[in-house]
Amino acid sequence: MRFLHTMVRVRDIDESLDFYCTKFGLVEMRRKDVPEGRFTLIFLAAPKDMQTSKAGGAPELELTFNWDPEDYDYGRNFGHLAYKVDNIYEKCQQLMDAGIVINRPPRDGRMAFIKSPDNISIELLQEGDSLPPAEPWLSMENTGRW
């Protein structure tokens, strides 16, 4: 068995691609419009997964855009996506600099949470051992829900 992808529904393709690709760092792998079903599928992957995948494809995030407008809830019933990062402090700073709120700062040097424009929680985990606790993260409070 091998993991293929996780699907999340998005309301706005441009806003979602700006978040997931431009700001978060995923790469668009392929896209498929399905006119008979009135939806578009966009598959994204993490750069490091693309480099290390040996099974013929990286695990992917599938963004599903339904052409007919729908309201989606806050995504907490979905759970969350999780990605390992090389340096959690640097990644969180990069995201903050791009205007992304860090809902759960990496006070422990190991874990943080952010949200997508569609309120999908995304967990960031430090690759390897936790980094030593450091400011400003150590003193930062939680913001909102994740």
N, C-alpha and C. Protein backbone atom coordinates (compact mmCIF):
# COMPACT_ATOMS: atom_id res chain seq x y z
N MET A 1 0.84 -1.17 0.00
CA MET A 1 0.00 0.00 0.00
C MET A 1 0.89 1.23 0.00
N ARG A 2 0.43 2.29 -0.68
CA ARG A 2 1.16 3.54 -0.64
C ARG A 2 0.18 4.69 -0.66
N PHE A 3 0.53 5.74 0.04
CA PHE A 3 -0.31 6.92 0.11
C PHE A 3 -0.31 7.63 -1.24
N LEU A 4 -1.50 8.04 -1.73
CA LEU A 4 -1.59 8.73 -3.00
C LEU A 4 -1.80 10.23 -2.83
N HIS A 5 -2.94 10.60 -2.23
CA HIS A 5 -3.23 12.02 -2.08
C HIS A 5 -4.31 12.26 -1.03
N THR A 6 -4.41 13.51 -0.63
CA THR A 6 -5.50 14.00 0.21
C THR A 6 -6.23 15.06 -0.59
N MET A 7 -7.55 15.05 -0.55
CA MET A 7 -8.34 16.02 -1.30
C MET A 7 -8.97 17.03 -0.35
N VAL A 8 -8.88 18.30 -0.73
CA VAL A 8 -9.63 19.36 -0.04
C VAL A 8 -10.34 20.18 -1.10
N ARG A 9 -11.54 20.62 -0.77
CA ARG A 9 -12.30 21.48 -1.67
C ARG A 9 -11.90 22.93 -1.44
N VAL A 10 -11.80 23.67 -2.53
CA VAL A 10 -11.41 25.08 -2.44
C VAL A 10 -12.46 25.94 -3.13
N ARG A 11 -12.61 27.18 -2.66
CA ARG A 11 -13.59 28.10 -3.23
C ARG A 11 -13.02 28.93 -4.36
N ASP A 12 -11.71 29.20 -4.35
CA ASP A 12 -11.10 30.12 -5.30
C ASP A 12 -9.74 29.55 -5.72
N ILE A 13 -9.61 29.16 -6.99
CA ILE A 13 -8.38 28.53 -7.47
C ILE A 13 -7.18 29.46 -7.30
N ASP A 14 -7.31 30.71 -7.76
CA ASP A 14 -6.18 31.64 -7.69
C ASP A 14 -5.73 31.88 -6.26
N GLU A 15 -6.67 32.11 -5.36
CA GLU A 15 -6.32 32.34 -3.95
C GLU A 15 -5.65 31.09 -3.36
N SER A 16 -6.18 29.93 -3.69
CA SER A 16 -5.63 28.68 -3.15
C SER A 16 -4.23 28.40 -3.69
N LEU A 17 -4.02 28.62 -4.99
CA LEU A 17 -2.69 28.39 -5.56
C LEU A 17 -1.68 29.40 -5.03
N ASP A 18 -2.12 30.64 -4.81
CA ASP A 18 -1.23 31.63 -4.19
C ASP A 18 -0.79 31.14 -2.81
N PHE A 19 -1.75 30.63 -2.05
CA PHE A 19 -1.42 30.12 -0.71
C PHE A 19 -0.53 28.89 -0.78
N TYR A 20 -1.01 27.82 -1.44
CA TYR A 20 -0.31 26.54 -1.41
C TYR A 20 1.02 26.56 -2.19
N CYS A 21 1.08 27.27 -3.31
CA CYS A 21 2.30 27.27 -4.13
C CYS A 21 3.21 28.46 -3.83
N THR A 22 2.70 29.67 -4.01
CA THR A 22 3.54 30.86 -3.86
C THR A 22 4.02 31.03 -2.43
N LYS A 23 3.13 30.91 -1.47
CA LYS A 23 3.47 31.20 -0.07
C LYS A 23 3.95 29.96 0.69
N PHE A 24 3.26 28.82 0.50
CA PHE A 24 3.59 27.63 1.27
C PHE A 24 4.69 26.80 0.64
N GLY A 25 4.83 26.84 -0.68
CA GLY A 25 5.96 26.19 -1.33
C GLY A 25 5.68 24.89 -2.05
N LEU A 26 4.41 24.49 -2.22
CA LEU A 26 4.12 23.29 -2.99
C LEU A 26 4.24 23.60 -4.48
N VAL A 27 4.28 22.53 -5.29
CA VAL A 27 4.46 22.67 -6.73
C VAL A 27 3.26 22.01 -7.43
N GLU A 28 2.69 22.72 -8.41
CA GLU A 28 1.59 22.14 -9.18
C GLU A 28 2.15 21.05 -10.08
N MET A 29 1.59 19.85 -9.98
CA MET A 29 2.05 18.70 -10.76
C MET A 29 1.22 18.52 -12.03
N ARG A 30 -0.10 18.65 -11.90
CA ARG A 30 -0.99 18.50 -13.05
C ARG A 30 -2.36 19.06 -12.68
N ARG A 31 -3.16 19.25 -13.74
CA ARG A 31 -4.49 19.84 -13.57
C ARG A 31 -5.43 19.16 -14.56
N LYS A 32 -6.68 18.95 -14.12
CA LYS A 32 -7.66 18.31 -15.01
C LYS A 32 -9.01 18.99 -14.82
N ASP A 33 -9.54 19.52 -15.92
CA ASP A 33 -10.90 20.06 -15.93
C ASP A 33 -11.85 18.93 -16.32
N VAL A 34 -12.97 18.83 -15.60
CA VAL A 34 -13.97 17.80 -15.87
C VAL A 34 -15.31 18.51 -16.13
N PRO A 35 -15.52 18.94 -17.40
CA PRO A 35 -16.73 19.72 -17.71
C PRO A 35 -18.03 18.98 -17.38
N GLU A 36 -18.06 17.67 -17.64
CA GLU A 36 -19.30 16.93 -17.37
C GLU A 36 -19.62 16.88 -15.88
N GLY A 37 -18.62 16.93 -15.04
CA GLY A 37 -18.85 16.96 -13.59
C GLY A 37 -18.80 18.36 -13.01
N ARG A 38 -18.43 19.35 -13.83
CA ARG A 38 -18.36 20.75 -13.44
C ARG A 38 -17.39 20.97 -12.28
N PHE A 39 -16.17 20.40 -12.45
CA PHE A 39 -15.13 20.63 -11.44
C PHE A 39 -13.75 20.59 -12.08
N THR A 40 -12.77 21.12 -11.34
CA THR A 40 -11.36 21.10 -11.74
C THR A 40 -10.56 20.45 -10.62
N LEU A 41 -9.64 19.58 -10.99
CA LEU A 41 -8.72 18.95 -10.03
C LEU A 41 -7.33 19.49 -10.29
N ILE A 42 -6.65 19.90 -9.21
CA ILE A 42 -5.27 20.38 -9.31
C ILE A 42 -4.46 19.60 -8.28
N PHE A 43 -3.40 18.94 -8.74
CA PHE A 43 -2.58 18.11 -7.86
C PHE A 43 -1.27 18.83 -7.55
N LEU A 44 -0.94 18.92 -6.26
CA LEU A 44 0.26 19.60 -5.78
C LEU A 44 1.14 18.62 -5.01
N ALA A 45 2.44 18.89 -4.98
CA ALA A 45 3.38 18.05 -4.22
C ALA A 45 4.44 18.94 -3.58
N ALA A 46 5.01 18.43 -2.50
CA ALA A 46 6.13 19.12 -1.83
C ALA A 46 7.41 18.84 -2.61
N PRO A 47 8.26 19.86 -2.80
CA PRO A 47 9.49 19.67 -3.57
C PRO A 47 10.35 18.50 -3.09
N LYS A 48 10.52 18.35 -1.79
CA LYS A 48 11.37 17.29 -1.27
C LYS A 48 10.77 15.91 -1.56
N ASP A 49 9.44 15.81 -1.53
CA ASP A 49 8.79 14.53 -1.88
C ASP A 49 9.02 14.19 -3.34
N MET A 50 9.02 15.20 -4.19
CA MET A 50 9.25 14.97 -5.62
C MET A 50 10.65 14.42 -5.85
N GLN A 51 11.63 14.88 -5.06
CA GLN A 51 13.02 14.45 -5.22
C GLN A 51 13.27 13.06 -4.67
N THR A 52 12.55 12.68 -3.63
CA THR A 52 12.85 11.42 -2.94
C THR A 52 11.87 10.30 -3.23
N SER A 53 10.84 10.57 -4.02
CA SER A 53 9.84 9.55 -4.30
C SER A 53 10.43 8.45 -5.17
N LYS A 54 10.30 7.19 -4.72
CA LYS A 54 10.83 6.05 -5.46
C LYS A 54 9.72 5.20 -6.05
N ALA A 55 8.47 5.46 -5.67
CA ALA A 55 7.37 4.59 -6.09
C ALA A 55 6.64 5.13 -7.32
N GLY A 56 7.26 6.05 -8.05
CA GLY A 56 6.63 6.53 -9.27
C GLY A 56 5.73 7.72 -9.07
N GLY A 57 5.82 8.39 -7.97
CA GLY A 57 5.01 9.58 -7.75
C GLY A 57 5.04 10.01 -6.30
N ALA A 58 5.09 11.31 -6.11
CA ALA A 58 5.10 11.86 -4.76
C ALA A 58 3.68 11.86 -4.19
N PRO A 59 3.55 11.77 -2.86
CA PRO A 59 2.23 11.99 -2.27
C PRO A 59 1.76 13.39 -2.66
N GLU A 60 0.47 13.53 -2.91
CA GLU A 60 -0.03 14.80 -3.42
C GLU A 60 -1.19 15.34 -2.60
N LEU A 61 -1.39 16.63 -2.75
CA LEU A 61 -2.56 17.31 -2.24
C LEU A 61 -3.43 17.62 -3.46
N GLU A 62 -4.65 17.11 -3.47
CA GLU A 62 -5.58 17.36 -4.57
C GLU A 62 -6.51 18.49 -4.16
N LEU A 63 -6.46 19.59 -4.91
CA LEU A 63 -7.40 20.67 -4.71
C LEU A 63 -8.57 20.45 -5.67
N THR A 64 -9.78 20.40 -5.13
CA THR A 64 -10.96 20.22 -5.95
C THR A 64 -11.74 21.52 -5.96
N PHE A 65 -11.93 22.07 -7.15
CA PHE A 65 -12.71 23.30 -7.32
C PHE A 65 -14.00 22.95 -8.05
N ASN A 66 -15.12 23.07 -7.34
CA ASN A 66 -16.43 22.85 -7.95
C ASN A 66 -16.86 24.15 -8.63
N TRP A 67 -17.25 24.05 -9.91
CA TRP A 67 -17.55 25.24 -10.68
C TRP A 67 -18.80 25.96 -10.17
N ASP A 68 -19.73 25.22 -9.59
CA ASP A 68 -20.92 25.85 -9.02
C ASP A 68 -20.60 26.25 -7.58
N PRO A 69 -20.84 27.52 -7.22
CA PRO A 69 -20.45 27.99 -5.88
C PRO A 69 -21.06 27.17 -4.75
N GLU A 70 -20.24 26.92 -3.74
CA GLU A 70 -20.67 26.22 -2.53
C GLU A 70 -20.01 26.88 -1.34
N ASP A 71 -20.68 26.84 -0.20
CA ASP A 71 -20.06 27.28 1.05
C ASP A 71 -19.53 26.04 1.76
N TYR A 72 -18.28 26.12 2.23
CA TYR A 72 -17.69 25.02 2.98
C TYR A 72 -17.52 25.45 4.42
N ASP A 73 -17.61 24.48 5.33
CA ASP A 73 -17.43 24.81 6.74
C ASP A 73 -15.96 25.07 7.03
N TYR A 74 -15.61 25.13 8.28
CA TYR A 74 -14.27 25.53 8.67
C TYR A 74 -13.23 24.42 8.59
N GLY A 75 -13.58 23.25 8.11
CA GLY A 75 -12.60 22.22 7.85
C GLY A 75 -12.14 21.44 9.06
N ARG A 76 -12.59 21.79 10.26
CA ARG A 76 -12.12 21.05 11.43
C ARG A 76 -12.64 19.62 11.40
N ASN A 77 -13.76 19.36 10.76
CA ASN A 77 -14.24 17.98 10.65
C ASN A 77 -13.33 17.16 9.73
N PHE A 78 -12.53 17.84 8.90
CA PHE A 78 -11.56 17.17 8.04
C PHE A 78 -10.36 16.70 8.86
N GLY A 79 -9.94 17.48 9.81
CA GLY A 79 -8.72 17.19 10.56
C GLY A 79 -7.64 18.16 10.14
N HIS A 80 -6.52 17.67 9.64
CA HIS A 80 -5.47 18.57 9.17
C HIS A 80 -4.53 17.86 8.21
N LEU A 81 -3.80 18.66 7.45
CA LEU A 81 -2.70 18.18 6.64
C LEU A 81 -1.44 18.32 7.49
N ALA A 82 -0.42 17.54 7.22
CA ALA A 82 0.83 17.66 7.97
C ALA A 82 2.01 17.57 7.01
N TYR A 83 2.97 18.48 7.23
CA TYR A 83 4.19 18.52 6.42
C TYR A 83 5.40 18.66 7.34
N LYS A 84 6.45 17.90 7.04
CA LYS A 84 7.73 18.09 7.72
C LYS A 84 8.48 19.22 7.04
N VAL A 85 9.17 20.03 7.84
CA VAL A 85 9.95 21.14 7.29
C VAL A 85 11.37 21.06 7.81
N ASP A 86 12.32 21.59 7.05
CA ASP A 86 13.74 21.53 7.43
C ASP A 86 14.04 22.37 8.66
N ASN A 87 13.41 23.55 8.77
CA ASN A 87 13.62 24.43 9.92
C ASN A 87 12.30 25.12 10.21
N ILE A 88 11.65 24.71 11.28
CA ILE A 88 10.31 25.21 11.58
C ILE A 88 10.29 26.71 11.84
N TYR A 89 11.35 27.23 12.46
CA TYR A 89 11.40 28.68 12.72
C TYR A 89 11.51 29.47 11.42
N GLU A 90 12.36 29.02 10.52
CA GLU A 90 12.51 29.71 9.24
C GLU A 90 11.23 29.64 8.42
N LYS A 91 10.57 28.47 8.41
CA LYS A 91 9.34 28.31 7.64
C LYS A 91 8.24 29.20 8.21
N CYS A 92 8.10 29.23 9.53
CA CYS A 92 7.08 30.08 10.14
C CYS A 92 7.35 31.56 9.87
N GLN A 93 8.61 31.96 9.91
CA GLN A 93 8.94 33.35 9.61
C GLN A 93 8.62 33.68 8.16
N GLN A 94 8.95 32.78 7.26
CA GLN A 94 8.65 32.97 5.84
C GLN A 94 7.14 33.12 5.64
N LEU A 95 6.36 32.28 6.31
CA LEU A 95 4.91 32.35 6.18
C LEU A 95 4.36 33.65 6.76
N MET A 96 4.87 34.05 7.93
CA MET A 96 4.44 35.32 8.53
C MET A 96 4.78 36.48 7.60
N ASP A 97 5.96 36.47 7.02
CA ASP A 97 6.37 37.53 6.10
C ASP A 97 5.46 37.59 4.87
N ALA A 98 4.84 36.45 4.53
CA ALA A 98 3.91 36.39 3.40
C ALA A 98 2.48 36.70 3.82
N GLY A 99 2.28 37.07 5.09
CA GLY A 99 0.96 37.44 5.57
C GLY A 99 0.13 36.30 6.12
N ILE A 100 0.75 35.15 6.36
CA ILE A 100 0.03 33.99 6.91
C ILE A 100 0.10 34.05 8.43
N VAL A 101 -1.06 33.86 9.09
CA VAL A 101 -1.13 33.84 10.55
C VAL A 101 -0.64 32.49 11.06
N ILE A 102 0.24 32.52 12.05
CA ILE A 102 0.67 31.28 12.71
C ILE A 102 -0.30 31.07 13.87
N ASN A 103 -1.25 30.15 13.71
CA ASN A 103 -2.27 29.94 14.72
C ASN A 103 -1.71 29.30 16.00
N ARG A 104 -0.81 28.37 15.81
CA ARG A 104 -0.14 27.73 16.95
C ARG A 104 1.34 27.85 16.69
N PRO A 105 2.01 28.82 17.33
CA PRO A 105 3.44 29.03 17.10
C PRO A 105 4.28 27.83 17.57
N PRO A 106 5.49 27.68 17.01
CA PRO A 106 6.35 26.55 17.36
C PRO A 106 7.12 26.80 18.67
N ARG A 107 6.40 27.00 19.74
CA ARG A 107 7.05 27.28 21.04
C ARG A 107 8.00 26.16 21.46
N ASP A 108 7.68 24.94 21.06
CA ASP A 108 8.47 23.77 21.44
C ASP A 108 9.57 23.44 20.43
N GLY A 109 9.70 24.27 19.38
CA GLY A 109 10.70 23.98 18.35
C GLY A 109 10.37 22.79 17.50
N ARG A 110 9.14 22.31 17.59
CA ARG A 110 8.77 21.09 16.89
C ARG A 110 7.51 21.21 16.03
N MET A 111 6.48 21.94 16.51
CA MET A 111 5.19 21.89 15.86
C MET A 111 4.56 23.27 15.80
N ALA A 112 3.90 23.55 14.66
CA ALA A 112 3.14 24.78 14.49
C ALA A 112 1.91 24.45 13.64
N PHE A 113 0.92 25.33 13.68
CA PHE A 113 -0.27 25.18 12.84
C PHE A 113 -0.58 26.50 12.15
N ILE A 114 -1.01 26.38 10.89
CA ILE A 114 -1.52 27.51 10.13
C ILE A 114 -2.84 27.05 9.50
N LYS A 115 -3.52 27.96 8.79
CA LYS A 115 -4.74 27.59 8.08
C LYS A 115 -4.67 28.09 6.64
N SER A 116 -5.29 27.33 5.75
CA SER A 116 -5.41 27.73 4.34
C SER A 116 -6.53 28.77 4.22
N PRO A 117 -6.67 29.38 3.04
CA PRO A 117 -7.78 30.31 2.85
C PRO A 117 -9.15 29.66 3.03
N ASP A 118 -9.22 28.33 2.92
CA ASP A 118 -10.47 27.61 3.12
C ASP A 118 -10.57 27.01 4.50
N ASN A 119 -9.76 27.50 5.42
CA ASN A 119 -9.78 27.09 6.83
C ASN A 119 -9.40 25.63 7.06
N ILE A 120 -8.56 25.08 6.20
CA ILE A 120 -8.01 23.75 6.43
C ILE A 120 -6.78 23.91 7.33
N SER A 121 -6.76 23.20 8.44
CA SER A 121 -5.61 23.27 9.34
C SER A 121 -4.43 22.53 8.73
N ILE A 122 -3.26 23.14 8.84
CA ILE A 122 -2.03 22.54 8.33
C ILE A 122 -1.01 22.52 9.46
N GLU A 123 -0.55 21.32 9.79
CA GLU A 123 0.45 21.14 10.84
C GLU A 123 1.83 21.14 10.21
N LEU A 124 2.73 21.90 10.79
CA LEU A 124 4.13 21.91 10.37
C LEU A 124 4.93 21.21 11.46
N LEU A 125 5.74 20.23 11.07
CA LEU A 125 6.55 19.47 12.02
C LEU A 125 8.02 19.59 11.65
N GLN A 126 8.84 19.82 12.63
CA GLN A 126 10.28 19.92 12.43
C GLN A 126 10.84 18.57 12.01
N GLU A 127 11.59 18.56 10.93
CA GLU A 127 12.30 17.34 10.50
C GLU A 127 13.35 17.00 11.55
N GLY A 128 13.42 15.75 11.97
CA GLY A 128 14.42 15.34 12.96
C GLY A 128 14.06 15.81 14.36
N ASP A 129 15.08 16.11 15.15
CA ASP A 129 14.86 16.54 16.53
C ASP A 129 14.29 17.95 16.59
N SER A 130 13.59 18.23 17.68
CA SER A 130 13.07 19.57 17.91
C SER A 130 14.22 20.57 17.98
N LEU A 131 13.97 21.78 17.50
CA LEU A 131 14.96 22.86 17.65
C LEU A 131 14.87 23.39 19.07
N PRO A 132 15.95 23.97 19.60
CA PRO A 132 15.88 24.55 20.94
C PRO A 132 14.84 25.67 20.96
N PRO A 133 14.04 25.76 22.04
CA PRO A 133 13.07 26.86 22.14
C PRO A 133 13.76 28.20 21.95
N ALA A 134 13.09 29.10 21.21
CA ALA A 134 13.70 30.39 20.89
C ALA A 134 12.62 31.45 20.75
N GLU A 135 12.98 32.68 21.01
CA GLU A 135 12.10 33.82 20.78
C GLU A 135 12.17 34.19 19.31
N PRO A 136 11.12 34.77 18.76
CA PRO A 136 9.92 35.26 19.43
C PRO A 136 8.88 34.17 19.64
N TRP A 137 9.18 32.97 19.15
CA TRP A 137 8.19 31.88 19.16
C TRP A 137 7.83 31.45 20.57
N LEU A 138 8.80 31.41 21.46
CA LEU A 138 8.57 30.94 22.82
C LEU A 138 7.50 31.76 23.54
N SER A 139 7.43 33.07 23.29
CA SER A 139 6.49 33.94 23.98
C SER A 139 5.19 34.17 23.21
N MET A 140 5.10 33.66 21.99
CA MET A 140 3.94 33.92 21.15
C MET A 140 2.73 33.12 21.61
N GLU A 141 1.59 33.79 21.66
CA GLU A 141 0.32 33.15 22.05
C GLU A 141 -0.32 32.49 20.83
N ASN A 142 -1.22 31.56 21.09
CA ASN A 142 -2.04 30.97 20.02
C ASN A 142 -2.96 32.04 19.48
N THR A 143 -3.33 31.89 18.21
CA THR A 143 -4.26 32.81 17.55
C THR A 143 -5.36 31.99 16.90
N GLY A 144 -6.59 32.24 17.29
CA GLY A 144 -7.72 31.51 16.67
C GLY A 144 -7.71 30.04 16.99
N ARG A 145 -8.31 29.28 16.08
CA ARG A 145 -8.39 27.83 16.24
C ARG A 145 -7.64 27.16 15.12
N TRP A 146 -7.20 25.96 15.38
CA TRP A 146 -6.55 25.19 14.33
C TRP A 146 -7.05 23.79 14.41
